[in-house]
Structures are given as structure tokens and as C-alpha cells.
Amino acid sequence: MKISQTEDEAYTKGDKPNELVDENEMARLMDNMSTSNETGRVSSQVVGKIFSLQSDKIQEAAALALDKQQSIDVTATVARQHKKHVTQLEEKISSLNQQIEEGIAAGEAKRQEYKSAKLDLSQLKSEIDQSVEQLEELTAQETPETRKTIEQLNELVVKYEACKARENAFKAKCKNELASLNANLKEWEEKVSNASIDDFIDADTLATLKIIEEKATRAVQLQAKRNREIANLQRKVDEVPSRAELNQYQRRFAELNTQIQNKHRETKHYFNLYNTLDNTKIFMDKELALLNSIHDTFQSAMNSPANKKEFLNQLDAIVDGVCNSKDNILSRQNTEKKRRDGLNVSYLDLIDKQRLYYKTVKDFQDECKKNEVLLQQVKG
């Protein structure tokens, strides 16, 4: 039986966060930013609202991530216990294999010892045979001088017999031990080749092992799920713009607003130029038509006094109409001048407010920098 742990694969991208930022509030703030004044700056109050709108979500996400990290630690502890138990079983199997190898090594050592003893015994036997031959020769030629040598040879013969007896006993013992080791070796080889891990542990331990394995599998799956949730929360946290990003957005919005104003001013200038040229063309067409009419009726009007008088009356009416048109245009000109003066006063007032805004923003940024330095000092 193999012990394996299944791991959850890459997390899916379909998990949705539990809470979202209020879209209506965000839309209202974006509308406030789009209706900023002509100074080309976004209100710092709007920027602060955007940042504070996400701060609660960030804190909730951090707390949720901490709770999930604690549950992951518990599941990791269960997995470590399971791994420790499996390691103990593997050590037990390796210990049995080591005992088998030691038995094989011991049998091999006994075999080498037997060969060495056999070699020594053969050498001793040859020496004793030579001594026996010498003894027989000396016995045939026994003299008082050779009696001492004969006694020594007799002692060597006794030792030889004793050594031969020990050799036979040692051979029998080695054969018995070798047979026993070979039998044990075959028995263990059959057990190891045909047995599984279930044969080395009892039923209770096996049941406990299965429970631990199921817990470890669930823990791995739970950890993978927690990792996906933590990744989603991390993405939510990363989506919240930082202070530097907000400043960058504000500068970009201001640049776009300035470009739009310049384009609007240029387009308005072209429209005014077109309207002025169109009005000039209309007046010139009227003047040309009037001059052509006077030229065409002049000869016929000079033929009789009545026609001449009517012609003069028409000229007086035309002159009165031109004077009235001139007065109307002068009146409109004066009105536009007054409107221009009022706009200049408003423009100067807005410039003062812009300078005050820049000064306030600069002071606020300086205070923020001081606050960050103090926070770093407190944390340090």
C-alpha cells in the first residue's frame, strides 16, 4: 500500500469576493472630479474620500487573511504529524532491510572465516605429516639425543588431533549457522517481496493512519482554497490605489482638463470668427443689394418730381434703418464689454483661490511627510 498526498492544483479564477465597493458612491466621486473648476486641479477632499472608502475594506481583508492563515497553520500541523508517522514506518522497514543485510554479511564473514581456518589447518596438517615422518625415522633410529625431539613431536601430534577435532566441530557449527542464515534470508526476502505496509502495522494503527491521511487530504484541499481566497483578497488590496497613484491620477486628470479647456477655447475662437465673418458677409450683401436698387431706380426717379420725392423718402427710411441697426450693435457691444469686465473680475478671484489652493495642498503634503516620518520613528 502506497501512502500519497493529493494536492489541489492551481486555483480557479472564478471565485468572486464577498463584498464590493459601493458603485454609486464611486460614481458620485468621479462625477465630482469631472466637474472640477477651471484651475485644472481635482479637489483633495474627493481624493481623500476615495482613499477612505477603501480603508475599511483593506482592514476587513487583512483580518480575514489572518484568520485563514491560522486555520492553515492547524492543517499544516496535522499534515506534519501524518508525515512523521509515515517516516517512522519507513524507518522500521529500512531497519528490517538492514537486519537482513547484516545477516547476509555475517554469513559471508563466517564463510571467509571457514575458508581461512581450512587453509591454516591444511598447512598445519602438512607440517604434522612431515613431523610424523620425521618421528617415524627418529623412532627407528632412537637415541638418547633424539628422545627429546621425539617427545616434542608427540606433543605436536596431540595438538594436531585436537585441532582436527576442533576443525570438525567448527565445520559443523558453520554449516548449521549458514543453513539457518540462508533459511532466514529466504524467509525475509519472501516477506519483503510479497508483503505491504499493512503487514507491519496492526489494524488500529492502520485505521488511524487512514484517518490521518484523509485529514491531510482535506487539509491540503482546505489550504488550497484558503490560498485562493488569500490571493483574491491580495488582489483586492492591490487594486486600492496608493497615495502616490492617487497623486499621479490627479496630475493626469489636471493635464486632461487643461487640454480640454485649451481645445474648447480654440474651438470657441473659430466659432466666433466664423459668426463674425458670416455677419460681415450678410451686411455686405445687404449693402450691395441696396446700392444696386438705388442705381436701378435712380434714372426713373429723376424723370418726374413725384418719383424724385418718393425716392428721397425711401432713402431717408433706409438711412433711419441703418442708424437703428448701428445703435443696436453699439448696445450689444456695450453689453459684451460689461460682461467681459465681470468675467475678468471673476477670473482674478479664481486666480486668488487657485493660489490659496496650491498653498494649502503644499502645506498638506508637508504635513503628510512629517506624519510619515513620525510614524516611522514610532515603529522604529
Protein backbone atom coordinates (compact mmCIF):
# COMPACT_ATOMS: atom_id res chain seq x y z
CA MET A 1 0.00 0.00 0.00
CA LYS A 2 1.44 3.40 -1.03
CA ILE A 3 0.86 6.46 1.05
CA SER A 4 0.32 9.55 -1.10
CA GLN A 5 -0.96 13.03 -0.58
CA THR A 6 -3.15 14.74 -3.15
CA GLU A 7 -2.61 18.41 -3.63
CA ASP A 8 -5.10 20.81 -5.06
CA GLU A 9 -3.94 22.25 -8.32
CA ALA A 10 -3.88 25.85 -9.50
CA TYR A 11 -6.80 27.80 -8.10
CA THR A 12 -9.60 28.79 -10.42
CA LYS A 13 -10.22 32.32 -11.44
CA GLY A 14 -13.97 32.19 -10.93
CA ASP A 15 -14.02 33.00 -7.19
CA LYS A 16 -15.74 36.26 -6.51
CA PRO A 17 -15.09 38.49 -3.48
CA ASN A 18 -17.81 38.62 -0.83
CA GLU A 19 -18.04 42.42 -0.61
CA LEU A 20 -17.64 45.14 -3.27
CA VAL A 21 -17.13 48.89 -3.10
CA ASP A 22 -20.34 50.90 -3.41
CA GLU A 23 -20.52 51.71 -7.11
CA ASN A 24 -22.96 54.60 -6.60
CA GLU A 25 -20.59 56.31 -4.16
CA MET A 26 -17.65 55.80 -6.53
CA ALA A 27 -19.67 57.17 -9.47
CA ARG A 28 -20.63 60.25 -7.43
CA LEU A 29 -16.98 60.88 -6.55
CA MET A 30 -15.93 60.51 -10.19
CA ASP A 31 -18.66 63.00 -11.17
CA ASN A 32 -17.28 65.47 -8.60
CA MET A 33 -13.79 65.00 -10.07
CA SER A 34 -15.10 65.57 -13.62
CA THR A 35 -16.82 68.83 -12.60
CA SER A 36 -13.69 70.40 -11.11
CA ASN A 37 -13.19 74.12 -11.66
CA GLU A 38 -11.11 75.73 -14.38
CA THR A 39 -7.96 75.67 -12.26
CA GLY A 40 -7.17 72.19 -13.66
CA ARG A 41 -6.94 70.51 -10.21
CA VAL A 42 -9.02 67.78 -8.57
CA SER A 43 -10.27 68.56 -5.07
CA SER A 44 -8.19 66.98 -2.32
CA GLN A 45 -11.44 66.21 -0.43
CA VAL A 46 -12.59 63.98 -3.32
CA VAL A 47 -9.22 62.17 -3.33
CA GLY A 48 -9.47 61.65 0.44
CA LYS A 49 -12.97 60.20 0.09
CA ILE A 50 -11.75 57.70 -2.50
CA PHE A 51 -8.91 56.58 -0.22
CA SER A 52 -11.07 56.35 2.95
CA LEU A 53 -13.74 54.45 1.02
CA GLN A 54 -11.28 51.54 0.60
CA SER A 55 -9.59 51.64 4.04
CA ASP A 56 -12.37 49.65 5.78
CA LYS A 57 -12.24 47.02 3.07
CA ILE A 58 -8.49 46.74 3.47
CA GLN A 59 -8.80 46.20 7.25
CA GLU A 60 -11.52 43.57 6.81
CA ALA A 61 -9.42 41.80 4.16
CA ALA A 62 -6.36 41.81 6.46
CA ALA A 63 -8.36 40.37 9.39
CA LEU A 64 -9.88 37.67 7.19
CA ALA A 65 -6.43 36.79 5.84
CA LEU A 66 -5.10 36.45 9.43
CA ASP A 67 -7.93 34.06 10.42
CA LYS A 68 -7.37 31.98 7.34
CA GLN A 69 -3.63 31.85 7.98
CA GLN A 70 -4.31 30.43 11.49
CA SER A 71 -6.56 27.68 10.06
CA ILE A 72 -3.83 26.88 7.53
CA ASP A 73 -1.31 26.50 10.39
CA VAL A 74 -3.63 23.95 12.10
CA THR A 75 -3.99 21.90 8.92
CA ALA A 76 -0.22 22.08 8.37
CA THR A 77 0.31 20.65 11.91
CA VAL A 78 -1.96 17.66 11.07
CA ALA A 79 -0.06 17.13 7.84
CA ARG A 80 3.29 17.19 9.71
CA GLN A 81 2.01 14.53 12.18
CA HIS A 82 0.92 12.34 9.28
CA LYS A 83 4.28 12.77 7.60
CA LYS A 84 6.07 11.92 10.88
CA HIS A 85 4.07 8.69 11.23
CA VAL A 86 4.84 7.66 7.65
CA THR A 87 8.53 8.42 8.27
CA GLN A 88 8.55 6.15 11.34
CA LEU A 89 7.06 3.29 9.29
CA GLU A 90 9.64 3.81 6.56
CA GLU A 91 12.41 3.77 9.19
CA LYS A 92 11.04 0.47 10.56
CA ILE A 93 11.09 -1.09 7.07
CA SER A 94 14.61 0.20 6.45
CA SER A 95 15.68 -1.27 9.84
CA LEU A 96 14.36 -4.70 8.82
CA ASN A 97 16.19 -4.44 5.50
CA GLN A 98 19.35 -3.50 7.40
CA GLN A 99 18.97 -6.56 9.65
CA ILE A 100 18.67 -8.77 6.56
CA GLU A 101 21.79 -7.20 5.08
CA GLU A 102 23.65 -7.70 8.39
CA GLY A 103 22.63 -11.37 8.39
CA ILE A 104 23.94 -11.77 4.86
CA ALA A 105 27.19 -10.04 5.84
CA ALA A 106 27.55 -12.25 8.93
CA GLY A 107 27.09 -15.42 6.82
CA GLU A 108 29.67 -14.16 4.36
CA ALA A 109 32.10 -13.44 7.25
CA LYS A 110 31.58 -16.96 8.63
CA ARG A 111 32.25 -18.39 5.18
CA GLN A 112 35.50 -16.42 4.88
CA GLU A 113 36.50 -17.47 8.40
CA TYR A 114 35.83 -21.09 7.50
CA LYS A 115 38.00 -20.81 4.38
CA SER A 116 40.82 -19.21 6.35
CA ALA A 117 40.67 -21.87 9.08
CA LYS A 118 40.60 -24.60 6.45
CA LEU A 119 43.71 -23.13 4.81
CA ASP A 120 45.53 -22.89 8.15
CA LEU A 121 44.50 -26.45 9.00
CA SER A 122 45.82 -27.80 5.69
CA GLN A 123 49.14 -26.09 6.30
CA LEU A 124 49.25 -27.46 9.85
CA LYS A 125 48.38 -30.93 8.54
CA SER A 126 51.24 -30.86 6.06
CA GLU A 127 53.60 -29.80 8.80
CA ILE A 128 52.34 -32.57 11.08
CA ASP A 129 52.70 -35.15 8.31
CA GLN A 130 56.28 -34.10 7.86
CA SER A 131 56.79 -34.27 11.63
CA VAL A 132 55.22 -37.76 11.75
CA GLU A 133 57.57 -38.93 9.03
CA GLN A 134 60.47 -37.44 10.90
CA LEU A 135 59.15 -39.08 14.11
CA GLU A 136 58.99 -42.46 12.47
CA GLU A 137 62.51 -42.07 11.18
CA LEU A 138 63.71 -40.94 14.59
CA THR A 139 61.84 -43.77 16.29
CA ALA A 140 63.63 -46.22 14.08
CA GLN A 141 66.89 -44.52 14.94
CA GLU A 142 66.04 -43.68 18.54
CA THR A 143 68.97 -42.48 20.57
CA PRO A 144 69.22 -40.57 23.83
CA GLU A 145 69.95 -37.46 21.84
CA THR A 146 66.79 -37.74 19.73
CA ARG A 147 64.43 -38.68 22.58
CA LYS A 148 63.74 -35.04 23.40
CA THR A 149 62.88 -34.33 19.80
CA ILE A 150 60.54 -37.33 19.71
CA GLU A 151 58.69 -36.05 22.77
CA GLN A 152 58.23 -32.71 21.12
CA LEU A 153 56.89 -34.41 18.02
CA ASN A 154 54.45 -36.44 20.14
CA GLU A 155 53.14 -33.20 21.66
CA LEU A 156 52.69 -31.81 18.16
CA VAL A 157 50.72 -34.91 17.16
CA VAL A 158 48.41 -34.47 20.16
CA LYS A 159 47.88 -30.83 19.22
CA TYR A 160 47.17 -31.89 15.67
CA GLU A 161 44.48 -34.31 16.78
CA ALA A 162 42.92 -31.65 18.99
CA CYS A 163 42.99 -29.13 16.14
CA LYS A 164 41.40 -31.64 13.82
CA ALA A 165 38.62 -32.26 16.31
CA ARG A 166 38.02 -28.52 16.71
CA GLU A 167 38.03 -28.20 12.91
CA ASN A 168 35.30 -30.79 12.55
CA ALA A 169 33.23 -29.14 15.28
CA PHE A 170 33.75 -25.69 13.72
CA LYS A 171 32.75 -27.02 10.29
CA ALA A 172 29.55 -28.48 11.68
CA LYS A 173 28.74 -25.23 13.52
CA CYS A 174 29.42 -23.09 10.42
CA LYS A 175 27.25 -25.36 8.28
CA ASN A 176 24.38 -25.10 10.76
CA GLU A 177 24.69 -21.33 11.05
CA LEU A 178 24.95 -20.95 7.26
CA ALA A 179 21.85 -23.08 6.72
CA SER A 180 19.96 -21.10 9.39
CA LEU A 181 21.02 -17.73 7.87
CA ASN A 182 20.08 -18.87 4.35
CA ALA A 183 16.66 -20.00 5.59
CA ASN A 184 16.11 -16.70 7.43
CA LEU A 185 17.29 -14.78 4.37
CA LYS A 186 14.86 -16.58 2.05
CA GLU A 187 12.04 -16.12 4.56
CA TRP A 188 12.66 -12.37 4.88
CA GLU A 189 13.07 -11.96 1.12
CA GLU A 190 9.71 -13.65 0.54
CA LYS A 191 8.09 -11.48 3.24
CA VAL A 192 9.54 -8.25 1.90
CA SER A 193 8.73 -9.07 -1.75
CA ASN A 194 5.13 -10.15 -1.09
CA ALA A 195 4.26 -8.03 1.93
CA SER A 196 2.89 -4.48 2.06
CA ILE A 197 2.97 -1.85 4.75
CA ASP A 198 -0.23 -3.31 6.24
CA ASP A 199 1.70 -6.44 7.34
CA PHE A 200 4.00 -4.34 9.57
CA ILE A 201 1.32 -2.44 11.47
CA ASP A 202 -1.75 -3.52 13.38
CA ALA A 203 -5.38 -2.79 12.48
CA ASP A 204 -5.76 0.13 14.92
CA THR A 205 -2.63 1.84 13.63
CA LEU A 206 -3.79 1.27 10.05
CA ALA A 207 -7.21 2.80 10.79
CA THR A 208 -5.55 5.75 12.49
CA LEU A 209 -3.22 6.12 9.52
CA LYS A 210 -6.17 6.19 7.10
CA ILE A 211 -7.94 8.82 9.22
CA ILE A 212 -4.77 10.93 9.31
CA GLU A 213 -4.39 10.52 5.54
CA GLU A 214 -7.98 11.68 4.96
CA LYS A 215 -7.43 14.64 7.30
CA ALA A 216 -4.21 15.50 5.46
CA THR A 217 -6.03 15.36 2.11
CA ARG A 218 -8.80 17.61 3.42
CA ALA A 219 -6.18 19.90 4.93
CA VAL A 220 -4.37 20.20 1.59
CA GLN A 221 -7.65 20.97 -0.17
CA LEU A 222 -8.59 23.50 2.52
CA GLN A 223 -5.16 25.08 2.28
CA ALA A 224 -5.52 25.41 -1.50
CA LYS A 225 -8.93 27.02 -1.01
CA ARG A 226 -7.52 29.39 1.59
CA ASN A 227 -4.65 30.23 -0.77
CA ARG A 228 -7.16 31.13 -3.48
CA GLU A 229 -9.12 33.32 -1.08
CA ILE A 230 -5.93 34.99 0.16
CA ALA A 231 -4.89 35.61 -3.45
CA ASN A 232 -8.28 37.20 -4.17
CA LEU A 233 -8.00 39.38 -1.08
CA GLN A 234 -4.47 40.32 -2.07
CA ARG A 235 -5.74 41.36 -5.49
CA LYS A 236 -8.42 43.48 -3.82
CA VAL A 237 -5.81 45.12 -1.63
CA ASP A 238 -3.57 45.74 -4.64
CA GLU A 239 -6.47 47.29 -6.54
CA VAL A 240 -6.77 50.04 -3.91
CA PRO A 241 -4.65 52.95 -5.22
CA SER A 242 -1.85 54.23 -3.01
CA ARG A 243 -1.16 57.86 -2.22
CA ALA A 244 1.42 58.12 -4.98
CA GLU A 245 -1.01 56.60 -7.51
CA LEU A 246 -3.75 58.99 -6.43
CA ASN A 247 -1.37 61.93 -6.89
CA GLN A 248 -0.46 60.59 -10.32
CA TYR A 249 -4.16 60.24 -11.24
CA GLN A 250 -4.81 63.77 -10.02
CA ARG A 251 -1.97 65.17 -12.14
CA ARG A 252 -3.19 63.27 -15.18
CA PHE A 253 -6.77 64.47 -14.70
CA ALA A 254 -5.49 68.02 -14.35
CA GLU A 255 -3.49 67.68 -17.58
CA LEU A 256 -6.51 66.29 -19.42
CA ASN A 257 -8.68 69.08 -18.06
CA THR A 258 -6.15 71.67 -19.25
CA GLN A 259 -6.04 70.09 -22.70
CA ILE A 260 -9.84 70.06 -22.90
CA GLN A 261 -10.02 73.72 -21.87
CA ASN A 262 -7.43 74.71 -24.47
CA LYS A 263 -9.25 72.77 -27.16
CA HIS A 264 -12.58 74.30 -26.10
CA ARG A 265 -11.09 77.80 -26.17
CA GLU A 266 -9.62 77.22 -29.63
CA THR A 267 -12.90 75.82 -30.98
CA LYS A 268 -14.86 78.72 -29.46
CA HIS A 269 -12.48 81.18 -31.13
CA TYR A 270 -13.09 79.51 -34.50
CA PHE A 271 -16.87 79.67 -33.98
CA ASN A 272 -16.73 83.35 -33.08
CA LEU A 273 -14.54 84.09 -36.10
CA TYR A 274 -16.97 82.24 -38.35
CA ASN A 275 -20.00 84.06 -36.92
CA THR A 276 -18.26 87.44 -37.28
CA LEU A 277 -17.28 86.77 -40.90
CA ASP A 278 -20.78 85.47 -41.65
CA ASN A 279 -22.40 88.62 -40.21
CA THR A 280 -19.94 90.77 -42.19
CA LYS A 281 -20.89 88.89 -45.35
CA ILE A 282 -24.60 89.36 -44.65
CA PHE A 283 -24.21 93.13 -44.11
CA MET A 284 -22.08 93.45 -47.23
CA ASP A 285 -24.70 91.56 -49.27
CA LYS A 286 -27.42 93.87 -47.95
CA GLU A 287 -25.30 96.93 -48.73
CA LEU A 288 -24.61 95.65 -52.25
CA ALA A 289 -28.31 94.92 -52.84
CA LEU A 290 -29.24 98.39 -51.57
CA LEU A 291 -26.70 100.10 -53.81
CA ASN A 292 -27.90 98.10 -56.82
CA SER A 293 -31.52 99.02 -56.05
CA ILE A 294 -30.63 102.72 -55.75
CA HIS A 295 -28.70 102.59 -59.01
CA ASP A 296 -31.53 100.84 -60.84
CA THR A 297 -34.26 103.27 -59.63
CA PHE A 298 -32.23 106.50 -59.83
CA GLN A 299 -32.83 107.23 -63.55
CA SER A 300 -36.59 106.56 -63.37
CA ALA A 301 -36.92 108.59 -60.17
CA MET A 302 -35.30 111.67 -61.74
CA ASN A 303 -37.85 111.82 -64.59
CA SER A 304 -40.64 113.42 -62.52
CA PRO A 305 -40.80 115.42 -59.27
CA ALA A 306 -43.21 112.91 -57.67
CA ASN A 307 -40.91 109.99 -58.30
CA LYS A 308 -37.97 112.03 -57.07
CA LYS A 309 -39.78 112.88 -53.82
CA GLU A 310 -40.74 109.21 -53.26
CA PHE A 311 -37.15 108.19 -54.00
CA LEU A 312 -35.83 110.62 -51.39
CA ASN A 313 -38.34 109.39 -48.82
CA GLN A 314 -37.17 105.81 -49.40
CA LEU A 315 -33.55 106.90 -48.96
CA ASP A 316 -34.45 108.60 -45.65
CA ALA A 317 -36.16 105.37 -44.47
CA ILE A 318 -33.11 103.34 -45.45
CA VAL A 319 -30.80 105.74 -43.56
CA ASP A 320 -33.04 105.55 -40.47
CA GLY A 321 -32.93 101.73 -40.63
CA VAL A 322 -29.15 101.72 -40.89
CA CYS A 323 -28.88 104.10 -37.89
CA ASN A 324 -31.18 101.86 -35.83
CA SER A 325 -29.10 98.82 -36.71
CA LYS A 326 -25.94 100.71 -35.72
CA ASP A 327 -27.48 101.67 -32.37
CA ASN A 328 -28.46 98.05 -31.70
CA ILE A 329 -24.96 96.84 -32.48
CA LEU A 330 -23.41 99.51 -30.24
CA SER A 331 -25.79 98.48 -27.45
CA ARG A 332 -24.76 94.83 -27.84
CA GLN A 333 -21.10 95.89 -27.84
CA ASN A 334 -21.53 97.75 -24.54
CA THR A 335 -23.34 94.76 -23.04
CA GLU A 336 -20.50 92.40 -24.08
CA LYS A 337 -17.93 94.83 -22.62
CA LYS A 338 -19.74 94.83 -19.28
CA ARG A 339 -19.93 91.03 -19.38
CA ARG A 340 -16.19 90.89 -20.21
CA ASP A 341 -15.34 93.14 -17.24
CA GLY A 342 -17.43 90.96 -14.92
CA LEU A 343 -15.69 87.82 -16.19
CA ASN A 344 -12.29 89.45 -15.65
CA VAL A 345 -13.22 90.19 -12.03
CA SER A 346 -14.35 86.54 -11.56
CA TYR A 347 -11.16 85.33 -13.24
CA LEU A 348 -8.98 87.34 -10.87
CA ASP A 349 -10.98 85.99 -7.90
CA LEU A 350 -10.49 82.40 -9.16
CA ILE A 351 -6.76 83.03 -9.60
CA ASP A 352 -6.56 84.08 -5.94
CA LYS A 353 -8.45 80.96 -4.92
CA GLN A 354 -6.12 78.84 -7.08
CA ARG A 355 -3.06 80.28 -5.38
CA LEU A 356 -4.64 79.64 -1.98
CA TYR A 357 -5.46 76.04 -3.07
CA TYR A 358 -1.86 75.41 -4.22
CA LYS A 359 -0.55 76.79 -0.95
CA THR A 360 -2.98 74.63 1.08
CA VAL A 361 -2.09 71.49 -0.90
CA LYS A 362 1.61 72.15 -0.41
CA ASP A 363 1.14 72.64 3.33
CA PHE A 364 -0.93 69.43 3.47
CA GLN A 365 1.77 67.45 1.64
CA ASP A 366 4.44 68.81 4.01
CA GLU A 367 2.35 67.75 7.00
CA CYS A 368 1.81 64.29 5.47
CA LYS A 369 5.56 63.88 5.05
CA LYS A 370 6.11 64.93 8.68
CA ASN A 371 3.42 62.45 9.77
CA GLU A 372 5.11 59.60 7.84
CA VAL A 373 8.48 60.45 9.42
CA LEU A 374 6.91 60.43 12.90
CA LEU A 375 5.18 57.09 12.20
CA GLN A 376 8.48 55.55 11.09
CA GLN A 377 10.15 56.86 14.24
CA VAL A 378 7.37 55.37 16.41
CA LYS A 379 7.57 51.98 14.62
CA GLY A 380 11.40 52.04 14.82
